[in-house]
Amino acid sequence: MIATREMIVRDALQLPEAERAQVVQELLDSLSPEGSDLIDDTWAAELDRRFASWESDRSAGIAWSEFKQQR
């Protein structure tokens, strides 16, 4: 099973950023109600707000690698 997970992650990382975000959302949506405690409503609302902002103006965001370098 680990090999399968590693293959999925490797393949997913090849997708464009917007498609990777969609995959993440679909995976989160698939979690059981017990798993939903991982993200509370406030955090989910903030993620939705940021994603909507990025979708409306993709030039406003920066790449994760650039963000990590700033930290």
Protein backbone atom coordinates (compact mmCIF):
# COMPACT_ATOMS: atom_id res chain seq x y z
CA MET A 1 0.00 0.00 0.00
CA ILE A 2 2.85 2.40 0.74
CA ALA A 3 4.19 2.03 -2.78
CA THR A 4 0.75 2.92 -4.11
CA ARG A 5 0.54 6.00 -1.87
CA GLU A 6 4.02 7.09 -2.91
CA MET A 7 3.09 6.65 -6.58
CA ILE A 8 -0.08 8.68 -6.11
CA VAL A 9 1.80 11.49 -4.37
CA ARG A 10 4.53 11.46 -7.02
CA ASP A 11 1.96 11.63 -9.81
CA ALA A 12 -0.10 14.29 -8.03
CA LEU A 13 2.97 16.51 -7.66
CA GLN A 14 3.24 16.57 -11.45
CA LEU A 15 -0.17 18.26 -11.74
CA PRO A 16 -0.53 22.02 -12.12
CA GLU A 17 -1.03 23.84 -8.83
CA ALA A 18 -4.76 24.40 -9.29
CA GLU A 19 -5.35 20.71 -9.97
CA ARG A 20 -3.28 19.73 -6.92
CA ALA A 21 -5.47 22.04 -4.82
CA GLN A 22 -8.55 20.32 -6.20
CA VAL A 23 -7.14 16.90 -5.35
CA VAL A 24 -6.48 18.06 -1.80
CA GLN A 25 -10.03 19.37 -1.50
CA GLU A 26 -11.49 16.12 -2.80
CA LEU A 27 -9.39 14.09 -0.38
CA LEU A 28 -10.42 16.28 2.55
CA ASP A 29 -14.06 16.01 1.50
CA SER A 30 -13.72 12.22 1.50
CA LEU A 31 -12.71 12.01 5.16
CA SER A 32 -15.16 10.55 7.62
CA PRO A 33 -16.94 12.89 10.04
CA GLU A 34 -14.48 11.80 12.74
CA GLY A 35 -11.66 13.03 10.49
CA SER A 36 -13.34 16.38 10.03
CA ASP A 37 -12.00 17.43 13.42
CA LEU A 38 -8.71 17.93 11.61
CA ILE A 39 -10.02 21.18 10.20
CA ASP A 40 -12.34 23.36 12.23
CA ASP A 41 -14.88 25.67 10.63
CA THR A 42 -12.77 28.81 11.11
CA TRP A 43 -9.74 27.27 9.43
CA ALA A 44 -11.85 25.85 6.60
CA ALA A 45 -13.43 29.28 6.02
CA GLU A 46 -9.98 30.88 5.88
CA LEU A 47 -8.79 28.28 3.37
CA ASP A 48 -11.89 28.87 1.25
CA ARG A 49 -11.31 32.64 1.38
CA ARG A 50 -7.66 32.33 0.35
CA PHE A 51 -8.42 29.87 -2.44
CA ALA A 52 -11.18 32.13 -3.83
CA SER A 53 -8.82 35.09 -3.70
CA TRP A 54 -6.14 33.14 -5.54
CA GLU A 55 -8.63 31.91 -8.15
CA SER A 56 -9.78 35.46 -8.86
CA ASP A 57 -6.22 36.81 -9.23
CA ARG A 58 -3.60 34.10 -9.62
CA SER A 59 -0.86 36.69 -10.09
CA ALA A 60 -1.30 37.75 -6.45
CA GLY A 61 0.05 34.46 -5.09
CA ILE A 62 3.59 33.21 -4.81
CA ALA A 63 5.01 29.73 -5.28
CA TRP A 64 5.39 27.54 -2.20
CA SER A 65 9.14 27.30 -2.82
CA GLU A 66 9.38 31.11 -2.81
CA PHE A 67 7.31 31.31 0.37
CA LYS A 68 9.56 28.77 2.11
CA GLN A 69 12.64 30.80 1.14
CA GLN A 70 11.15 33.90 2.77
CA ARG A 71 10.72 32.10 6.09
